[in-house]
């Protein structure tokens, strides 16, 4: 194991251990930035971009977590990486939509497709092996919420 792989593994373990705490802190920052936007204060833009970018990076690194031996196939590893990529892509797509950047619908379409495919695989794996520890309840909830938000932005805005 090289030095960089060891550092990456250490970072991923810290992120996975405290992911829900990081999510809550970043969601509070997002709500504060939306409040600043509604009051017309100009500082909301960098705060909003920073918080979405940070959360997207955290979700991306969750794809490198260790999988348990039970149900730890190559397909399981692929689904974990697919869902972490989908989470990151969804946040970037939502950021593009909120900031009114170009190609936001393309990013929304790609992220929605990725999240739906990952959710279908997760449900399949949970039905196949209910004791599978690779797909947890917060992970499923995160997937459903992000897919719902992306679907809202794609179909209704």
N, C-alpha and C. Protein backbone atom coordinates (compact mmCIF):
# COMPACT_ATOMS: atom_id res chain seq x y z
N UNK A 1 0.85 -1.18 0.00
CA UNK A 1 0.00 0.00 0.00
C UNK A 1 0.90 1.24 0.00
N UNK A 2 0.64 2.12 -0.92
CA UNK A 2 1.44 3.33 -1.00
C UNK A 2 0.98 4.34 0.05
N UNK A 3 1.77 5.38 0.18
CA UNK A 3 1.47 6.43 1.15
C UNK A 3 0.15 7.11 0.84
N UNK A 4 -0.09 7.41 -0.47
CA UNK A 4 -1.32 8.10 -0.87
C UNK A 4 -2.55 7.23 -0.64
N UNK A 5 -2.44 5.93 -0.91
CA UNK A 5 -3.58 5.05 -0.68
C UNK A 5 -3.92 4.97 0.80
N UNK A 6 -2.89 4.94 1.64
CA UNK A 6 -3.12 4.93 3.08
C UNK A 6 -3.79 6.20 3.56
N UNK A 7 -3.36 7.35 3.03
CA UNK A 7 -3.98 8.62 3.39
C UNK A 7 -5.43 8.68 2.91
N UNK A 8 -5.67 8.20 1.67
CA UNK A 8 -7.04 8.20 1.14
C UNK A 8 -7.94 7.33 2.00
N UNK A 9 -7.44 6.16 2.41
CA UNK A 9 -8.23 5.27 3.25
C UNK A 9 -8.53 5.93 4.60
N UNK A 10 -7.56 6.63 5.16
CA UNK A 10 -7.74 7.32 6.44
C UNK A 10 -8.79 8.43 6.32
N UNK A 11 -8.74 9.20 5.25
CA UNK A 11 -9.71 10.28 5.03
C UNK A 11 -11.11 9.71 4.86
N UNK A 12 -11.22 8.64 4.08
CA UNK A 12 -12.53 8.04 3.82
C UNK A 12 -13.13 7.48 5.11
N UNK A 13 -12.32 6.87 5.96
CA UNK A 13 -12.83 6.35 7.23
C UNK A 13 -13.34 7.47 8.12
N UNK A 14 -12.63 8.60 8.16
CA UNK A 14 -13.08 9.74 8.97
C UNK A 14 -14.38 10.32 8.42
N UNK A 15 -14.48 10.41 7.10
CA UNK A 15 -15.70 10.95 6.49
C UNK A 15 -16.88 10.04 6.77
N UNK A 16 -16.72 8.75 6.57
CA UNK A 16 -17.83 7.82 6.78
C UNK A 16 -18.26 7.76 8.24
N UNK A 17 -17.31 7.93 9.14
CA UNK A 17 -17.64 7.90 10.57
C UNK A 17 -18.49 9.10 10.97
N UNK A 18 -18.23 10.25 10.39
CA UNK A 18 -18.91 11.49 10.78
C UNK A 18 -19.77 12.09 9.67
N UNK A 19 -20.21 11.29 8.71
CA UNK A 19 -20.91 11.83 7.55
C UNK A 19 -22.21 12.54 7.92
N UNK A 20 -22.99 11.97 8.81
CA UNK A 20 -24.27 12.59 9.17
C UNK A 20 -24.04 13.93 9.88
N UNK A 21 -23.01 14.01 10.70
CA UNK A 21 -22.70 15.29 11.37
C UNK A 21 -22.26 16.33 10.34
N UNK A 22 -21.42 15.92 9.38
CA UNK A 22 -21.02 16.84 8.31
C UNK A 22 -22.22 17.30 7.50
N UNK A 23 -23.12 16.37 7.19
CA UNK A 23 -24.31 16.73 6.41
C UNK A 23 -25.16 17.76 7.13
N UNK A 24 -25.36 17.58 8.42
CA UNK A 24 -26.19 18.52 9.18
C UNK A 24 -25.56 19.90 9.20
N UNK A 25 -24.26 19.97 9.43
CA UNK A 25 -23.56 21.27 9.45
C UNK A 25 -23.68 21.96 8.09
N UNK A 26 -23.44 21.22 7.03
CA UNK A 26 -23.47 21.81 5.69
C UNK A 26 -24.90 22.20 5.30
N UNK A 27 -25.89 21.41 5.70
CA UNK A 27 -27.28 21.78 5.41
C UNK A 27 -27.69 23.05 6.14
N UNK A 28 -27.19 23.25 7.35
CA UNK A 28 -27.46 24.50 8.08
C UNK A 28 -26.83 25.67 7.33
N UNK A 29 -25.60 25.48 6.83
CA UNK A 29 -24.93 26.55 6.06
C UNK A 29 -25.72 26.85 4.79
N UNK A 30 -26.24 25.81 4.14
CA UNK A 30 -27.05 26.02 2.93
C UNK A 30 -28.31 26.81 3.26
N UNK A 31 -28.96 26.47 4.37
CA UNK A 31 -30.16 27.21 4.77
C UNK A 31 -29.84 28.66 5.12
N UNK A 32 -28.70 28.89 5.75
CA UNK A 32 -28.29 30.27 6.06
C UNK A 32 -28.06 31.04 4.76
N UNK A 33 -27.40 30.41 3.80
CA UNK A 33 -27.14 31.10 2.53
C UNK A 33 -28.44 31.38 1.78
N UNK A 34 -29.40 30.47 1.84
CA UNK A 34 -30.70 30.74 1.21
C UNK A 34 -31.44 31.87 1.93
N UNK A 35 -31.28 31.94 3.26
CA UNK A 35 -31.87 33.05 4.01
C UNK A 35 -31.23 34.38 3.63
N UNK A 36 -29.90 34.38 3.46
CA UNK A 36 -29.22 35.59 3.02
C UNK A 36 -29.68 36.01 1.63
N UNK A 37 -29.94 35.03 0.78
CA UNK A 37 -30.42 35.34 -0.58
C UNK A 37 -31.81 35.97 -0.51
N UNK A 38 -32.66 35.43 0.34
CA UNK A 38 -34.03 35.96 0.41
C UNK A 38 -34.06 37.38 0.99
N UNK A 39 -33.08 37.75 1.81
CA UNK A 39 -33.01 39.10 2.34
C UNK A 39 -32.20 40.04 1.46
N UNK A 40 -31.66 39.53 0.37
CA UNK A 40 -30.94 40.35 -0.58
C UNK A 40 -29.52 40.70 -0.18
N UNK A 41 -28.95 39.92 0.72
CA UNK A 41 -27.57 40.14 1.15
C UNK A 41 -26.65 39.43 0.16
N UNK A 42 -25.62 40.10 -0.31
CA UNK A 42 -24.81 39.60 -1.41
C UNK A 42 -23.84 38.49 -1.08
N UNK A 43 -23.68 38.12 0.17
CA UNK A 43 -22.69 37.11 0.54
C UNK A 43 -23.19 35.68 0.34
N UNK A 44 -24.43 35.50 -0.07
CA UNK A 44 -25.00 34.16 -0.13
C UNK A 44 -24.35 33.31 -1.22
N UNK A 45 -23.92 33.91 -2.32
CA UNK A 45 -23.43 33.15 -3.47
C UNK A 45 -22.18 32.32 -3.15
N UNK A 46 -21.10 32.89 -2.63
CA UNK A 46 -19.93 32.05 -2.34
C UNK A 46 -20.19 31.03 -1.24
N UNK A 47 -21.01 31.40 -0.26
CA UNK A 47 -21.34 30.47 0.81
C UNK A 47 -22.12 29.28 0.26
N UNK A 48 -23.04 29.54 -0.64
CA UNK A 48 -23.86 28.51 -1.27
C UNK A 48 -22.99 27.57 -2.11
N UNK A 49 -22.13 28.12 -2.94
CA UNK A 49 -21.26 27.32 -3.80
C UNK A 49 -20.29 26.50 -2.96
N UNK A 50 -19.72 27.10 -1.94
CA UNK A 50 -18.77 26.39 -1.07
C UNK A 50 -19.44 25.22 -0.37
N UNK A 51 -20.64 25.43 0.17
CA UNK A 51 -21.30 24.36 0.91
C UNK A 51 -21.73 23.22 -0.01
N UNK A 52 -22.27 23.53 -1.18
CA UNK A 52 -22.65 22.47 -2.12
C UNK A 52 -21.42 21.72 -2.62
N UNK A 53 -20.34 22.46 -2.90
CA UNK A 53 -19.12 21.82 -3.37
C UNK A 53 -18.51 20.90 -2.32
N UNK A 54 -18.51 21.35 -1.08
CA UNK A 54 -17.98 20.54 0.01
C UNK A 54 -18.79 19.27 0.19
N UNK A 55 -20.10 19.38 0.15
CA UNK A 55 -20.94 18.20 0.29
C UNK A 55 -20.77 17.25 -0.89
N UNK A 56 -20.60 17.78 -2.08
CA UNK A 56 -20.37 16.93 -3.25
C UNK A 56 -19.05 16.17 -3.13
N UNK A 57 -18.02 16.83 -2.62
CA UNK A 57 -16.74 16.15 -2.43
C UNK A 57 -16.85 15.08 -1.35
N UNK A 58 -17.55 15.37 -0.27
CA UNK A 58 -17.74 14.36 0.79
C UNK A 58 -18.47 13.14 0.25
N UNK A 59 -19.52 13.37 -0.54
CA UNK A 59 -20.26 12.24 -1.11
C UNK A 59 -19.41 11.46 -2.10
N UNK A 60 -18.56 12.15 -2.83
CA UNK A 60 -17.69 11.45 -3.77
C UNK A 60 -16.74 10.50 -3.03
N UNK A 61 -16.19 10.95 -1.92
CA UNK A 61 -15.25 10.12 -1.17
C UNK A 61 -15.93 8.95 -0.48
N UNK A 62 -17.24 9.00 -0.29
CA UNK A 62 -17.91 7.85 0.32
C UNK A 62 -17.88 6.62 -0.59
N UNK A 63 -17.62 6.81 -1.86
CA UNK A 63 -17.53 5.68 -2.78
C UNK A 63 -16.29 4.83 -2.58
N UNK A 64 -15.33 5.31 -1.81
CA UNK A 64 -14.10 4.57 -1.59
C UNK A 64 -14.08 3.86 -0.25
N UNK A 65 -15.24 3.75 0.39
CA UNK A 65 -15.28 3.10 1.70
C UNK A 65 -15.05 1.60 1.56
N UNK A 66 -14.69 1.00 2.68
CA UNK A 66 -14.47 -0.44 2.71
C UNK A 66 -15.83 -1.15 2.70
N UNK A 67 -15.92 -2.21 1.93
CA UNK A 67 -17.17 -2.96 1.92
C UNK A 67 -17.02 -4.18 2.81
N UNK A 68 -18.12 -4.63 3.39
CA UNK A 68 -18.05 -5.79 4.27
C UNK A 68 -17.91 -7.05 3.43
N UNK A 69 -17.41 -8.08 4.07
CA UNK A 69 -17.18 -9.35 3.35
C UNK A 69 -18.47 -9.99 2.88
N UNK A 70 -19.53 -9.80 3.66
CA UNK A 70 -20.82 -10.39 3.29
C UNK A 70 -21.43 -9.57 2.15
N UNK A 71 -21.56 -10.16 1.00
CA UNK A 71 -22.13 -9.46 -0.15
C UNK A 71 -21.15 -8.50 -0.79
N UNK A 72 -19.85 -8.71 -0.59
CA UNK A 72 -18.85 -7.79 -1.09
C UNK A 72 -18.36 -8.15 -2.48
N UNK A 73 -19.23 -8.18 -3.44
CA UNK A 73 -18.85 -8.55 -4.80
C UNK A 73 -18.40 -7.31 -5.58
N UNK A 74 -17.95 -7.54 -6.80
CA UNK A 74 -17.55 -6.42 -7.66
C UNK A 74 -18.76 -5.56 -8.02
N UNK A 75 -19.92 -6.19 -8.15
CA UNK A 75 -21.13 -5.43 -8.45
C UNK A 75 -21.51 -4.54 -7.27
N UNK A 76 -21.32 -5.03 -6.05
CA UNK A 76 -21.57 -4.21 -4.87
C UNK A 76 -20.65 -2.99 -4.85
N UNK A 77 -19.38 -3.21 -5.15
CA UNK A 77 -18.41 -2.10 -5.21
C UNK A 77 -18.84 -1.09 -6.29
N UNK A 78 -19.31 -1.60 -7.45
CA UNK A 78 -19.77 -0.72 -8.52
C UNK A 78 -20.97 0.11 -8.09
N UNK A 79 -21.92 -0.50 -7.40
CA UNK A 79 -23.12 0.22 -6.97
C UNK A 79 -22.77 1.29 -5.94
N UNK A 80 -21.82 0.99 -5.04
CA UNK A 80 -21.39 1.98 -4.06
C UNK A 80 -20.75 3.17 -4.76
N UNK A 81 -19.89 2.91 -5.72
CA UNK A 81 -19.24 4.00 -6.47
C UNK A 81 -20.26 4.75 -7.33
N UNK A 82 -21.20 4.02 -7.93
CA UNK A 82 -22.24 4.65 -8.75
C UNK A 82 -23.10 5.60 -7.91
N UNK A 83 -23.48 5.15 -6.73
CA UNK A 83 -24.33 6.01 -5.90
C UNK A 83 -23.55 7.22 -5.39
N UNK A 84 -22.29 7.05 -5.03
CA UNK A 84 -21.53 8.22 -4.57
C UNK A 84 -21.30 9.21 -5.71
N UNK A 85 -21.08 8.69 -6.92
CA UNK A 85 -20.97 9.57 -8.08
C UNK A 85 -22.31 10.26 -8.35
N UNK A 86 -23.41 9.53 -8.19
CA UNK A 86 -24.73 10.11 -8.40
C UNK A 86 -25.05 11.20 -7.39
N UNK A 87 -24.64 11.00 -6.12
CA UNK A 87 -24.86 12.03 -5.11
C UNK A 87 -24.10 13.30 -5.47
N UNK A 88 -22.84 13.13 -5.85
CA UNK A 88 -22.02 14.30 -6.20
C UNK A 88 -22.59 15.02 -7.42
N UNK A 89 -22.94 14.24 -8.43
CA UNK A 89 -23.48 14.82 -9.66
C UNK A 89 -24.82 15.52 -9.38
N UNK A 90 -25.64 14.95 -8.51
CA UNK A 90 -26.92 15.57 -8.18
C UNK A 90 -26.72 16.92 -7.50
N UNK A 91 -25.78 16.99 -6.58
CA UNK A 91 -25.53 18.27 -5.91
C UNK A 91 -24.99 19.32 -6.87
N UNK A 92 -24.11 18.90 -7.76
CA UNK A 92 -23.59 19.85 -8.74
C UNK A 92 -24.70 20.29 -9.69
N UNK A 93 -25.58 19.36 -10.08
CA UNK A 93 -26.70 19.71 -10.96
C UNK A 93 -27.66 20.68 -10.28
N UNK A 94 -27.94 20.44 -9.00
CA UNK A 94 -28.81 21.36 -8.26
C UNK A 94 -28.16 22.73 -8.15
N UNK A 95 -26.86 22.74 -7.92
CA UNK A 95 -26.13 24.01 -7.86
C UNK A 95 -26.20 24.73 -9.20
N UNK A 96 -26.02 24.01 -10.30
CA UNK A 96 -26.13 24.62 -11.63
C UNK A 96 -27.52 25.19 -11.85
N UNK A 97 -28.54 24.46 -11.42
CA UNK A 97 -29.92 24.93 -11.61
C UNK A 97 -30.20 26.17 -10.76
N UNK A 98 -29.74 26.16 -9.51
CA UNK A 98 -29.99 27.30 -8.64
C UNK A 98 -29.23 28.54 -9.09
N UNK A 99 -28.03 28.34 -9.67
CA UNK A 99 -27.21 29.47 -10.11
C UNK A 99 -27.50 29.85 -11.57
N UNK A 100 -28.39 29.11 -12.21
CA UNK A 100 -28.83 29.36 -13.59
C UNK A 100 -27.67 29.30 -14.59
N UNK A 101 -26.84 28.26 -14.43
CA UNK A 101 -25.76 28.02 -15.38
C UNK A 101 -26.28 27.24 -16.57
N UNK A 102 -25.48 27.22 -17.64
CA UNK A 102 -25.86 26.46 -18.83
C UNK A 102 -25.75 24.96 -18.57
N UNK A 103 -26.47 24.19 -19.36
CA UNK A 103 -26.45 22.72 -19.33
C UNK A 103 -26.93 22.15 -18.00
N UNK A 104 -27.75 22.86 -17.28
CA UNK A 104 -28.25 22.34 -16.03
C UNK A 104 -29.19 21.15 -16.24
N UNK A 105 -29.98 21.17 -17.31
CA UNK A 105 -30.90 20.05 -17.57
C UNK A 105 -30.14 18.78 -17.92
N UNK A 106 -29.03 18.89 -18.61
CA UNK A 106 -28.22 17.72 -18.93
C UNK A 106 -27.67 17.10 -17.65
N UNK A 107 -27.15 17.93 -16.76
CA UNK A 107 -26.64 17.41 -15.49
C UNK A 107 -27.76 16.82 -14.64
N UNK A 108 -28.92 17.45 -14.64
CA UNK A 108 -30.05 16.91 -13.89
C UNK A 108 -30.47 15.55 -14.44
N UNK A 109 -30.49 15.42 -15.76
CA UNK A 109 -30.88 14.16 -16.38
C UNK A 109 -29.87 13.05 -16.06
N UNK A 110 -28.58 13.35 -16.16
CA UNK A 110 -27.55 12.35 -15.87
C UNK A 110 -27.60 11.93 -14.40
N UNK A 111 -27.73 12.90 -13.51
CA UNK A 111 -27.73 12.56 -12.09
C UNK A 111 -29.00 11.81 -11.69
N UNK A 112 -30.13 12.19 -12.26
CA UNK A 112 -31.36 11.48 -11.94
C UNK A 112 -31.30 10.04 -12.42
N UNK A 113 -30.78 9.83 -13.62
CA UNK A 113 -30.63 8.47 -14.13
C UNK A 113 -29.69 7.65 -13.26
N UNK A 114 -28.59 8.24 -12.87
CA UNK A 114 -27.61 7.55 -12.02
C UNK A 114 -28.21 7.19 -10.68
N UNK A 115 -28.93 8.12 -10.07
CA UNK A 115 -29.53 7.85 -8.76
C UNK A 115 -30.62 6.78 -8.83
N UNK A 116 -31.41 6.79 -9.89
CA UNK A 116 -32.47 5.79 -10.01
C UNK A 116 -31.88 4.40 -10.23
N UNK A 117 -30.86 4.30 -11.08
CA UNK A 117 -30.21 3.00 -11.30
C UNK A 117 -29.56 2.50 -10.02
N UNK A 118 -28.87 3.38 -9.30
CA UNK A 118 -28.23 2.98 -8.04
C UNK A 118 -29.28 2.56 -7.01
N UNK A 119 -30.41 3.26 -6.95
CA UNK A 119 -31.47 2.90 -6.02
C UNK A 119 -32.06 1.54 -6.36
N UNK A 120 -32.25 1.27 -7.65
CA UNK A 120 -32.78 -0.04 -8.06
C UNK A 120 -31.83 -1.16 -7.65
N UNK A 121 -30.55 -0.98 -7.86
CA UNK A 121 -29.57 -1.99 -7.45
C UNK A 121 -29.54 -2.16 -5.94
N UNK A 122 -29.63 -1.06 -5.20
CA UNK A 122 -29.62 -1.16 -3.74
C UNK A 122 -30.82 -1.93 -3.23
N UNK A 123 -31.99 -1.65 -3.79
CA UNK A 123 -33.19 -2.37 -3.38
C UNK A 123 -33.06 -3.85 -3.71
N UNK A 124 -32.49 -4.15 -4.88
CA UNK A 124 -32.27 -5.54 -5.27
C UNK A 124 -31.34 -6.24 -4.28
N UNK A 125 -30.23 -5.61 -3.92
CA UNK A 125 -29.29 -6.22 -2.99
C UNK A 125 -29.88 -6.40 -1.61
N UNK A 126 -30.68 -5.44 -1.16
CA UNK A 126 -31.29 -5.56 0.17
C UNK A 126 -32.33 -6.67 0.18
N UNK A 127 -33.10 -6.79 -0.91
CA UNK A 127 -34.07 -7.88 -0.99
C UNK A 127 -33.38 -9.23 -1.09
N UNK A 128 -32.26 -9.28 -1.79
CA UNK A 128 -31.52 -10.52 -1.98
C UNK A 128 -30.89 -10.98 -0.66
N UNK A 129 -30.31 -10.04 0.08
CA UNK A 129 -29.64 -10.36 1.33
C UNK A 129 -29.95 -9.27 2.35
N UNK A 130 -30.98 -9.46 3.18
CA UNK A 130 -31.37 -8.41 4.14
C UNK A 130 -30.29 -8.06 5.17
N UNK A 131 -29.35 -8.97 5.40
CA UNK A 131 -28.30 -8.71 6.39
C UNK A 131 -27.08 -8.04 5.77
N UNK A 132 -27.19 -7.61 4.53
CA UNK A 132 -26.08 -6.95 3.84
C UNK A 132 -25.79 -5.62 4.52
N UNK A 133 -24.56 -5.43 4.98
CA UNK A 133 -24.19 -4.23 5.72
C UNK A 133 -23.64 -3.13 4.82
N UNK A 134 -23.56 -3.39 3.53
CA UNK A 134 -22.98 -2.40 2.63
C UNK A 134 -23.95 -1.28 2.29
N UNK A 135 -25.25 -1.54 2.38
CA UNK A 135 -26.26 -0.54 2.06
C UNK A 135 -27.09 -0.29 3.30
N UNK A 136 -26.90 0.87 3.90
CA UNK A 136 -27.55 1.18 5.17
C UNK A 136 -28.82 2.01 4.93
N UNK A 137 -29.60 2.13 5.98
CA UNK A 137 -30.83 2.91 5.89
C UNK A 137 -30.57 4.39 5.58
N UNK A 138 -29.59 5.04 6.24
CA UNK A 138 -29.33 6.45 5.87
C UNK A 138 -28.89 6.61 4.41
N UNK A 139 -28.20 5.61 3.89
CA UNK A 139 -27.78 5.66 2.49
C UNK A 139 -28.99 5.60 1.55
N UNK A 140 -29.94 4.74 1.87
CA UNK A 140 -31.16 4.66 1.06
C UNK A 140 -31.98 5.94 1.15
N UNK A 141 -32.10 6.48 2.35
CA UNK A 141 -32.86 7.72 2.55
C UNK A 141 -32.20 8.87 1.77
N UNK A 142 -30.87 8.94 1.85
CA UNK A 142 -30.12 9.95 1.11
C UNK A 142 -30.37 9.83 -0.39
N UNK A 143 -30.37 8.60 -0.88
CA UNK A 143 -30.59 8.35 -2.30
C UNK A 143 -31.99 8.79 -2.73
N UNK A 144 -32.99 8.42 -1.95
CA UNK A 144 -34.38 8.77 -2.29
C UNK A 144 -34.59 10.29 -2.22
N UNK A 145 -34.05 10.95 -1.20
CA UNK A 145 -34.23 12.40 -1.07
C UNK A 145 -33.56 13.13 -2.23
N UNK A 146 -32.31 12.77 -2.54
CA UNK A 146 -31.62 13.44 -3.64
C UNK A 146 -32.30 13.18 -4.97
N UNK A 147 -32.77 11.95 -5.19
CA UNK A 147 -33.48 11.64 -6.44
C UNK A 147 -34.77 12.45 -6.53
N UNK A 148 -35.46 12.61 -5.40
CA UNK A 148 -36.68 13.40 -5.40
C UNK A 148 -36.43 14.87 -5.67
N UNK A 149 -35.38 15.43 -5.08
CA UNK A 149 -35.06 16.84 -5.30
C UNK A 149 -34.64 17.06 -6.76
N UNK A 150 -33.82 16.17 -7.29
CA UNK A 150 -33.40 16.29 -8.69
C UNK A 150 -34.59 16.15 -9.62
N UNK A 151 -35.49 15.21 -9.32
CA UNK A 151 -36.69 15.04 -10.15
C UNK A 151 -37.56 16.29 -10.11
N UNK A 152 -37.68 16.91 -8.93
CA UNK A 152 -38.44 18.15 -8.82
C UNK A 152 -37.83 19.23 -9.70
N UNK A 153 -36.53 19.43 -9.61
CA UNK A 153 -35.87 20.46 -10.41
C UNK A 153 -35.95 20.13 -11.90
N UNK A 154 -35.91 18.86 -12.25
CA UNK A 154 -35.94 18.48 -13.66
C UNK A 154 -37.33 18.65 -14.27
N UNK A 155 -38.36 18.20 -13.56
CA UNK A 155 -39.69 18.18 -14.13
C UNK A 155 -40.52 19.44 -13.85
N UNK A 156 -40.27 20.13 -12.75
CA UNK A 156 -41.19 21.20 -12.33
C UNK A 156 -40.59 22.60 -12.35
N UNK A 157 -39.34 22.76 -12.75
CA UNK A 157 -38.80 24.12 -12.80
C UNK A 157 -38.29 24.45 -14.17
